[in-house]
Amino acid sequence: AGLAFARLWGVNPVAGARYRSHAEARAFVRSFG
């Protein structure tokens, strides 16, 4: 979704998201609340 958005507008809002599994994705999201 971030790459598709960047194709249109030159900005990727999820470029900094760092995770390699669903568990890490959940932890990344939890780190923001």
PDB file of all heavy atoms in Angstrom:
ATOM      1  N   ALA A   1       0.845  -1.203   0.000  1.00  0.00           N
ATOM      2  CA  ALA A   1       0.000   0.000   0.000  1.00  0.00           C
ATOM      3  C   ALA A   1       0.875   1.246   0.000  1.00  0.00           C
ATOM      4  O   ALA A   1       0.602   2.214  -0.720  1.00  0.00           O
ATOM      5  CB  ALA A   1      -0.945  -0.002   1.197  1.00  0.00           C
ATOM      6  N   GLY A   2       1.953   1.222   0.792  1.00  0.00           N
ATOM      7  CA  GLY A   2       2.874   2.355   0.820  1.00  0.00           C
ATOM      8  C   GLY A   2       3.563   2.572  -0.516  1.00  0.00           C
ATOM      9  O   GLY A   2       3.723   3.705  -0.977  1.00  0.00           O
ATOM     10  N   LEU A   3       3.967   1.481  -1.166  1.00  0.00           N
ATOM     11  CA  LEU A   3       4.611   1.592  -2.478  1.00  0.00           C
ATOM     12  C   LEU A   3       3.643   2.111  -3.541  1.00  0.00           C
ATOM     13  O   LEU A   3       4.018   2.941  -4.385  1.00  0.00           O
ATOM     14  CB  LEU A   3       5.189   0.242  -2.897  1.00  0.00           C
ATOM     15  CG  LEU A   3       6.378  -0.245  -2.070  1.00  0.00           C
ATOM     16  CD1 LEU A   3       6.680  -1.708  -2.375  1.00  0.00           C
ATOM     17  CD2 LEU A   3       7.604   0.629  -2.303  1.00  0.00           C
ATOM     18  N   ALA A   4       2.394   1.640  -3.505  1.00  0.00           N
ATOM     19  CA  ALA A   4       1.392   2.127  -4.463  1.00  0.00           C
ATOM     20  C   ALA A   4       1.119   3.611  -4.236  1.00  0.00           C
ATOM     21  O   ALA A   4       1.023   4.391  -5.194  1.00  0.00           O
ATOM     22  CB  ALA A   4       0.099   1.313  -4.336  1.00  0.00           C
ATOM     23  N   PHE A   5       1.011   4.019  -2.975  1.00  0.00           N
ATOM     24  CA  PHE A   5       0.800   5.425  -2.645  1.00  0.00           C
ATOM     25  C   PHE A   5       1.981   6.259  -3.147  1.00  0.00           C
ATOM     26  O   PHE A   5       1.802   7.336  -3.722  1.00  0.00           O
ATOM     27  CB  PHE A   5       0.616   5.580  -1.127  1.00  0.00           C
ATOM     28  CG  PHE A   5       0.225   6.948  -0.691  1.00  0.00           C
ATOM     29  CD1 PHE A   5      -1.092   7.366  -0.752  1.00  0.00           C
ATOM     30  CD2 PHE A   5       1.178   7.828  -0.200  1.00  0.00           C
ATOM     31  CE1 PHE A   5      -1.462   8.639  -0.330  1.00  0.00           C
ATOM     32  CE2 PHE A   5       0.826   9.093   0.219  1.00  0.00           C
ATOM     33  CZ  PHE A   5      -0.502   9.507   0.151  1.00  0.00           C
ATOM     34  N   ALA A   6       3.190   5.741  -2.952  1.00  0.00           N
ATOM     35  CA  ALA A   6       4.391   6.453  -3.412  1.00  0.00           C
ATOM     36  C   ALA A   6       4.429   6.581  -4.931  1.00  0.00           C
ATOM     37  O   ALA A   6       4.927   7.589  -5.459  1.00  0.00           O
ATOM     38  CB  ALA A   6       5.649   5.754  -2.906  1.00  0.00           C
ATOM     39  N   ARG A   7       3.912   5.589  -5.659  1.00  0.00           N
ATOM     40  CA  ARG A   7       3.833   5.707  -7.126  1.00  0.00           C
ATOM     41  C   ARG A   7       3.018   6.923  -7.523  1.00  0.00           C
ATOM     42  O   ARG A   7       3.295   7.568  -8.525  1.00  0.00           O
ATOM     43  CB  ARG A   7       3.174   4.464  -7.722  1.00  0.00           C
ATOM     44  CG  ARG A   7       4.087   3.345  -8.010  1.00  0.00           C
ATOM     45  CD  ARG A   7       3.320   2.216  -8.708  1.00  0.00           C
ATOM     46  NE  ARG A   7       4.233   1.144  -8.988  1.00  0.00           N
ATOM     47  CZ  ARG A   7       4.904   1.010 -10.125  1.00  0.00           C
ATOM     48  NH1 ARG A   7       4.718   1.863 -11.106  1.00  0.00           N
ATOM     49  NH2 ARG A   7       5.738   0.013 -10.292  1.00  0.00           N
ATOM     50  N   LEU A   8       1.985   7.199  -6.757  1.00  0.00           N
ATOM     51  CA  LEU A   8       1.108   8.331  -7.088  1.00  0.00           C
ATOM     52  C   LEU A   8       1.640   9.661  -6.589  1.00  0.00           C
ATOM     53  O   LEU A   8       1.530  10.672  -7.282  1.00  0.00           O
ATOM     54  CB  LEU A   8      -0.286   8.097  -6.485  1.00  0.00           C
ATOM     55  CG  LEU A   8      -1.067   6.923  -7.057  1.00  0.00           C
ATOM     56  CD1 LEU A   8      -2.285   6.637  -6.191  1.00  0.00           C
ATOM     57  CD2 LEU A   8      -1.468   7.210  -8.498  1.00  0.00           C
ATOM     58  N   TRP A   9       2.192   9.680  -5.378  1.00  0.00           N
ATOM     59  CA  TRP A   9       2.479  10.961  -4.718  1.00  0.00           C
ATOM     60  C   TRP A   9       3.931  11.153  -4.304  1.00  0.00           C
ATOM     61  O   TRP A   9       4.286  12.198  -3.788  1.00  0.00           O
ATOM     62  CB  TRP A   9       1.578  11.119  -3.483  1.00  0.00           C
ATOM     63  CG  TRP A   9       0.149  10.817  -3.795  1.00  0.00           C
ATOM     64  CD1 TRP A   9      -0.602   9.789  -3.326  1.00  0.00           C
ATOM     65  CD2 TRP A   9      -0.714  11.536  -4.679  1.00  0.00           C
ATOM     66  NE1 TRP A   9      -1.865   9.816  -3.856  1.00  0.00           N
ATOM     67  CE2 TRP A   9      -1.958  10.882  -4.690  1.00  0.00           C
ATOM     68  CE3 TRP A   9      -0.548  12.672  -5.474  1.00  0.00           C
ATOM     69  CZ2 TRP A   9      -3.035  11.329  -5.465  1.00  0.00           C
ATOM     70  CZ3 TRP A   9      -1.621  13.108  -6.234  1.00  0.00           C
ATOM     71  CH2 TRP A   9      -2.836  12.452  -6.228  1.00  0.00           C
ATOM     72  N   GLY A  10       4.786  10.139  -4.485  1.00  0.00           N
ATOM     73  CA  GLY A  10       6.204  10.287  -4.144  1.00  0.00           C
ATOM     74  C   GLY A  10       6.518  10.202  -2.669  1.00  0.00           C
ATOM     75  O   GLY A  10       7.628  10.525  -2.256  1.00  0.00           O
ATOM     76  N   VAL A  11       5.566   9.759  -1.867  1.00  0.00           N
ATOM     77  CA  VAL A  11       5.740   9.655  -0.417  1.00  0.00           C
ATOM     78  C   VAL A  11       5.304   8.257   0.010  1.00  0.00           C
ATOM     79  O   VAL A  11       4.201   7.830  -0.332  1.00  0.00           O
ATOM     80  CB  VAL A  11       4.861  10.696   0.325  1.00  0.00           C
ATOM     81  CG1 VAL A  11       4.985  10.541   1.823  1.00  0.00           C
ATOM     82  CG2 VAL A  11       5.193  12.097  -0.118  1.00  0.00           C
ATOM     83  N   ASN A  12       6.157   7.561   0.754  1.00  0.00           N
ATOM     84  CA  ASN A  12       5.793   6.236   1.269  1.00  0.00           C
ATOM     85  C   ASN A  12       5.693   6.327   2.789  1.00  0.00           C
ATOM     86  O   ASN A  12       6.704   6.297   3.481  1.00  0.00           O
ATOM     87  CB  ASN A  12       6.817   5.188   0.870  1.00  0.00           C
ATOM     88  CG  ASN A  12       6.425   3.800   1.309  1.00  0.00           C
ATOM     89  OD1 ASN A  12       5.553   3.617   2.148  1.00  0.00           O
ATOM     90  ND2 ASN A  12       7.085   2.806   0.754  1.00  0.00           N
ATOM     91  N   PRO A  13       4.476   6.427   3.327  1.00  0.00           N
ATOM     92  CA  PRO A  13       4.333   6.602   4.770  1.00  0.00           C
ATOM     93  C   PRO A  13       4.721   5.387   5.600  1.00  0.00           C
ATOM     94  O   PRO A  13       4.899   5.521   6.808  1.00  0.00           O
ATOM     95  CB  PRO A  13       2.846   6.924   4.940  1.00  0.00           C
ATOM     96  CG  PRO A  13       2.186   6.358   3.745  1.00  0.00           C
ATOM     97  CD  PRO A  13       3.195   6.453   2.633  1.00  0.00           C
ATOM     98  N   VAL A  14       4.880   4.229   4.998  1.00  0.00           N
ATOM     99  CA  VAL A  14       5.252   3.046   5.772  1.00  0.00           C
ATOM    100  C   VAL A  14       6.681   2.594   5.495  1.00  0.00           C
ATOM    101  O   VAL A  14       7.078   1.499   5.880  1.00  0.00           O
ATOM    102  CB  VAL A  14       4.250   1.886   5.559  1.00  0.00           C
ATOM    103  CG1 VAL A  14       2.899   2.248   6.092  1.00  0.00           C
ATOM    104  CG2 VAL A  14       4.178   1.475   4.111  1.00  0.00           C
ATOM    105  N   ALA A  15       7.475   3.433   4.870  1.00  0.00           N
ATOM    106  CA  ALA A  15       8.853   3.065   4.537  1.00  0.00           C
ATOM    107  C   ALA A  15       9.664   2.699   5.773  1.00  0.00           C
ATOM    108  O   ALA A  15      10.556   1.850   5.701  1.00  0.00           O
ATOM    109  CB  ALA A  15       9.540   4.194   3.771  1.00  0.00           C
ATOM    110  N   GLY A  16       9.360   3.295   6.911  1.00  0.00           N
ATOM    111  CA  GLY A  16      10.124   3.035   8.124  1.00  0.00           C
ATOM    112  C   GLY A  16       9.625   1.873   8.955  1.00  0.00           C
ATOM    113  O   GLY A  16      10.211   1.573   9.994  1.00  0.00           O
ATOM    114  N   ALA A  17       8.578   1.199   8.528  1.00  0.00           N
ATOM    115  CA  ALA A  17       8.047   0.063   9.293  1.00  0.00           C
ATOM    116  C   ALA A  17       9.016  -1.110   9.191  1.00  0.00           C
ATOM    117  O   ALA A  17       9.322  -1.576   8.102  1.00  0.00           O
ATOM    118  CB  ALA A  17       6.669  -0.326   8.772  1.00  0.00           C
ATOM    119  N   ARG A  18       9.485  -1.572  10.337  1.00  0.00           N
ATOM    120  CA  ARG A  18      10.471  -2.656  10.360  1.00  0.00           C
ATOM    121  C   ARG A  18       9.901  -3.853  11.121  1.00  0.00           C
ATOM    122  O   ARG A  18       9.732  -3.806  12.328  1.00  0.00           O
ATOM    123  CB  ARG A  18      11.762  -2.196  11.044  1.00  0.00           C
ATOM    124  CG  ARG A  18      12.416  -1.000  10.388  1.00  0.00           C
ATOM    125  CD  ARG A  18      13.120  -1.425   9.097  1.00  0.00           C
ATOM    126  NE  ARG A  18      13.827  -0.299   8.527  1.00  0.00           N
ATOM    127  CZ  ARG A  18      13.461   0.318   7.410  1.00  0.00           C
ATOM    128  NH1 ARG A  18      12.411  -0.086   6.757  1.00  0.00           N
ATOM    129  NH2 ARG A  18      14.137   1.333   6.943  1.00  0.00           N
ATOM    130  N   TYR A  19       9.622  -4.928  10.409  1.00  0.00           N
ATOM    131  CA  TYR A  19       9.183  -6.188  11.005  1.00  0.00           C
ATOM    132  C   TYR A  19       9.348  -7.277   9.954  1.00  0.00           C
ATOM    133  O   TYR A  19       9.424  -7.006   8.763  1.00  0.00           O
ATOM    134  CB  TYR A  19       7.727  -6.102  11.491  1.00  0.00           C
ATOM    135  CG  TYR A  19       6.766  -5.636  10.435  1.00  0.00           C
ATOM    136  CD1 TYR A  19       6.209  -6.528   9.539  1.00  0.00           C
ATOM    137  CD2 TYR A  19       6.429  -4.291  10.316  1.00  0.00           C
ATOM    138  CE1 TYR A  19       5.339  -6.098   8.538  1.00  0.00           C
ATOM    139  CE2 TYR A  19       5.562  -3.851   9.331  1.00  0.00           C
ATOM    140  CZ  TYR A  19       5.021  -4.762   8.446  1.00  0.00           C
ATOM    141  OH  TYR A  19       4.163  -4.344   7.464  1.00  0.00           O
ATOM    142  N   ARG A  20       9.429  -8.543  10.429  1.00  0.00           N
ATOM    143  CA  ARG A  20       9.629  -9.660   9.515  1.00  0.00           C
ATOM    144  C   ARG A  20       8.612 -10.786   9.714  1.00  0.00           C
ATOM    145  O   ARG A  20       8.741 -11.826   9.095  1.00  0.00           O
ATOM    146  CB  ARG A  20      11.042 -10.205   9.670  1.00  0.00           C
ATOM    147  CG  ARG A  20      12.122  -9.209   9.291  1.00  0.00           C
ATOM    148  CD  ARG A  20      13.520  -9.791   9.491  1.00  0.00           C
ATOM    149  NE  ARG A  20      13.710 -10.415  10.791  1.00  0.00           N
ATOM    150  CZ  ARG A  20      14.134  -9.780  11.890  1.00  0.00           C
ATOM    151  NH1 ARG A  20      14.409  -8.515  11.857  1.00  0.00           N
ATOM    152  NH2 ARG A  20      14.282 -10.433  13.024  1.00  0.00           N
ATOM    153  N   SER A  21       7.650 -10.578  10.600  1.00  0.00           N
ATOM    154  CA  SER A  21       6.648 -11.606  10.862  1.00  0.00           C
ATOM    155  C   SER A  21       5.379 -10.930  11.368  1.00  0.00           C
ATOM    156  O   SER A  21       5.393  -9.748  11.733  1.00  0.00           O
ATOM    157  CB  SER A  21       7.152 -12.598  11.914  1.00  0.00           C
ATOM    158  OG  SER A  21       7.259 -11.944  13.174  1.00  0.00           O
ATOM    159  N   HIS A  22       4.285 -11.701  11.417  1.00  0.00           N
ATOM    160  CA  HIS A  22       3.050 -11.151  11.963  1.00  0.00           C
ATOM    161  C   HIS A  22       3.241 -10.754  13.427  1.00  0.00           C
ATOM    162  O   HIS A  22       2.724  -9.725  13.866  1.00  0.00           O
ATOM    163  CB  HIS A  22       1.891 -12.127  11.812  1.00  0.00           C
ATOM    164  CG  HIS A  22       1.453 -12.316  10.397  1.00  0.00           C
ATOM    165  ND1 HIS A  22       0.962 -11.296   9.624  1.00  0.00           N
ATOM    166  CD2 HIS A  22       1.426 -13.421   9.617  1.00  0.00           C
ATOM    167  CE1 HIS A  22       0.658 -11.757   8.424  1.00  0.00           C
ATOM    168  NE2 HIS A  22       0.943 -13.043   8.386  1.00  0.00           N
ATOM    169  N   ALA A  23       3.994 -11.552  14.180  1.00  0.00           N
ATOM    170  CA  ALA A  23       4.236 -11.233  15.590  1.00  0.00           C
ATOM    171  C   ALA A  23       5.014  -9.915  15.718  1.00  0.00           C
ATOM    172  O   ALA A  23       4.685  -9.077  16.565  1.00  0.00           O
ATOM    173  CB  ALA A  23       4.989 -12.371  16.271  1.00  0.00           C
ATOM    174  N   GLU A  24       6.023  -9.726  14.890  1.00  0.00           N
ATOM    175  CA  GLU A  24       6.779  -8.472  14.922  1.00  0.00           C
ATOM    176  C   GLU A  24       5.914  -7.303  14.458  1.00  0.00           C
ATOM    177  O   GLU A  24       6.047  -6.194  14.969  1.00  0.00           O
ATOM    178  CB  GLU A  24       8.043  -8.578  14.068  1.00  0.00           C
ATOM    179  CG  GLU A  24       9.120  -9.425  14.694  1.00  0.00           C
ATOM    180  CD  GLU A  24      10.380  -9.508  13.835  1.00  0.00           C
ATOM    181  OE1 GLU A  24      10.545  -8.703  12.887  1.00  0.00           O
ATOM    182  OE2 GLU A  24      11.209 -10.394  14.121  1.00  0.00           O
ATOM    183  N   ALA A  25       5.030  -7.528  13.487  1.00  0.00           N
ATOM    184  CA  ALA A  25       4.117  -6.472  13.037  1.00  0.00           C
ATOM    185  C   ALA A  25       3.194  -6.052  14.175  1.00  0.00           C
ATOM    186  O   ALA A  25       2.974  -4.859  14.411  1.00  0.00           O
ATOM    187  CB  ALA A  25       3.308  -6.936  11.830  1.00  0.00           C
ATOM    188  N   ARG A  26       2.649  -7.043  14.899  1.00  0.00           N
ATOM    189  CA  ARG A  26       1.788  -6.712  16.047  1.00  0.00           C
ATOM    190  C   ARG A  26       2.567  -5.927  17.093  1.00  0.00           C
ATOM    191  O   ARG A  26       2.067  -4.961  17.656  1.00  0.00           O
ATOM    192  CB  ARG A  26       1.186  -7.976  16.648  1.00  0.00           C
ATOM    193  CG  ARG A  26       0.035  -8.542  15.832  1.00  0.00           C
ATOM    194  CD  ARG A  26      -0.687  -9.659  16.573  1.00  0.00           C
ATOM    195  NE  ARG A  26       0.082 -10.886  16.632  1.00  0.00           N
ATOM    196  CZ  ARG A  26       0.122 -11.806  15.672  1.00  0.00           C
ATOM    197  NH1 ARG A  26      -0.585 -11.633  14.577  1.00  0.00           N
ATOM    198  NH2 ARG A  26       0.845 -12.884  15.805  1.00  0.00           N
ATOM    199  N   ALA A  27       3.811  -6.330  17.363  1.00  0.00           N
ATOM    200  CA  ALA A  27       4.638  -5.623  18.341  1.00  0.00           C
ATOM    201  C   ALA A  27       4.938  -4.196  17.873  1.00  0.00           C
ATOM    202  O   ALA A  27       4.917  -3.249  18.675  1.00  0.00           O
ATOM    203  CB  ALA A  27       5.944  -6.383  18.590  1.00  0.00           C
ATOM    204  N   PHE A  28       5.199  -4.030  16.575  1.00  0.00           N
ATOM    205  CA  PHE A  28       5.447  -2.693  16.023  1.00  0.00           C
ATOM    206  C   PHE A  28       4.230  -1.809  16.240  1.00  0.00           C
ATOM    207  O   PHE A  28       4.338  -0.676  16.702  1.00  0.00           O
ATOM    208  CB  PHE A  28       5.781  -2.812  14.527  1.00  0.00           C
ATOM    209  CG  PHE A  28       6.021  -1.498  13.841  1.00  0.00           C
ATOM    210  CD1 PHE A  28       7.219  -0.819  14.005  1.00  0.00           C
ATOM    211  CD2 PHE A  28       5.055  -0.928  13.027  1.00  0.00           C
ATOM    212  CE1 PHE A  28       7.448   0.400  13.368  1.00  0.00           C
ATOM    213  CE2 PHE A  28       5.268   0.271  12.388  1.00  0.00           C
ATOM    214  CZ  PHE A  28       6.464   0.945  12.561  1.00  0.00           C
ATOM    215  N   VAL A  29       3.046  -2.335  15.932  1.00  0.00           N
ATOM    216  CA  VAL A  29       1.810  -1.571  16.103  1.00  0.00           C
ATOM    217  C   VAL A  29       1.586  -1.261  17.584  1.00  0.00           C
ATOM    218  O   VAL A  29       1.228  -0.129  17.947  1.00  0.00           O
ATOM    219  CB  VAL A  29       0.615  -2.332  15.485  1.00  0.00           C
ATOM    220  CG1 VAL A  29      -0.710  -1.722  15.896  1.00  0.00           C
ATOM    221  CG2 VAL A  29       0.752  -2.361  13.971  1.00  0.00           C
ATOM    222  N   ARG A  30       1.793  -2.252  18.461  1.00  0.00           N
ATOM    223  CA  ARG A  30       1.613  -2.025  19.906  1.00  0.00           C
ATOM    224  C   ARG A  30       2.551  -0.958  20.430  1.00  0.00           C
ATOM    225  O   ARG A  30       2.214  -0.231  21.368  1.00  0.00           O
ATOM    226  CB  ARG A  30       1.823  -3.328  20.672  1.00  0.00           C
ATOM    227  CG  ARG A  30       0.597  -4.194  20.756  1.00  0.00           C
ATOM    228  CD  ARG A  30       0.742  -5.293  21.810  1.00  0.00           C
ATOM    229  NE  ARG A  30       1.964  -6.075  21.689  1.00  0.00           N
ATOM    230  CZ  ARG A  30       2.101  -7.172  20.938  1.00  0.00           C
ATOM    231  NH1 ARG A  30       1.091  -7.635  20.241  1.00  0.00           N
ATOM    232  NH2 ARG A  30       3.252  -7.804  20.893  1.00  0.00           N
ATOM    233  N   SER A  31       3.743  -0.829  19.832  1.00  0.00           N
ATOM    234  CA  SER A  31       4.711   0.167  20.319  1.00  0.00           C
ATOM    235  C   SER A  31       4.178   1.595  20.175  1.00  0.00           C
ATOM    236  O   SER A  31       4.654   2.505  20.847  1.00  0.00           O
ATOM    237  CB  SER A  31       6.053   0.012  19.597  1.00  0.00           C
ATOM    238  OG  SER A  31       5.995   0.497  18.261  1.00  0.00           O
ATOM    239  N   PHE A  32       3.183   1.777  19.315  1.00  0.00           N
ATOM    240  CA  PHE A  32       2.546   3.082  19.141  1.00  0.00           C
ATOM    241  C   PHE A  32       1.281   3.211  19.984  1.00  0.00           C
ATOM    242  O   PHE A  32       0.672   4.274  20.017  1.00  0.00           O
ATOM    243  CB  PHE A  32       2.165   3.303  17.666  1.00  0.00           C
ATOM    244  CG  PHE A  32       3.324   3.554  16.765  1.00  0.00           C
ATOM    245  CD1 PHE A  32       3.994   2.503  16.164  1.00  0.00           C
ATOM    246  CD2 PHE A  32       3.758   4.851  16.508  1.00  0.00           C
ATOM    247  CE1 PHE A  32       5.070   2.736  15.322  1.00  0.00           C
ATOM    248  CE2 PHE A  32       4.827   5.086  15.662  1.00  0.00           C
ATOM    249  CZ  PHE A  32       5.489   4.025  15.069  1.00  0.00           C
ATOM    250  N   GLY A  33       0.832   2.096  20.573  1.00  0.00           N
ATOM    251  CA  GLY A  33      -0.398   2.114  21.344  1.00  0.00           C
ATOM    252  C   GLY A  33      -1.595   1.585  20.586  1.00  0.00           C
ATOM    253  O   GLY A  33      -2.731   1.789  20.985  1.00  0.00           O
TER     254      GLY A  33
END
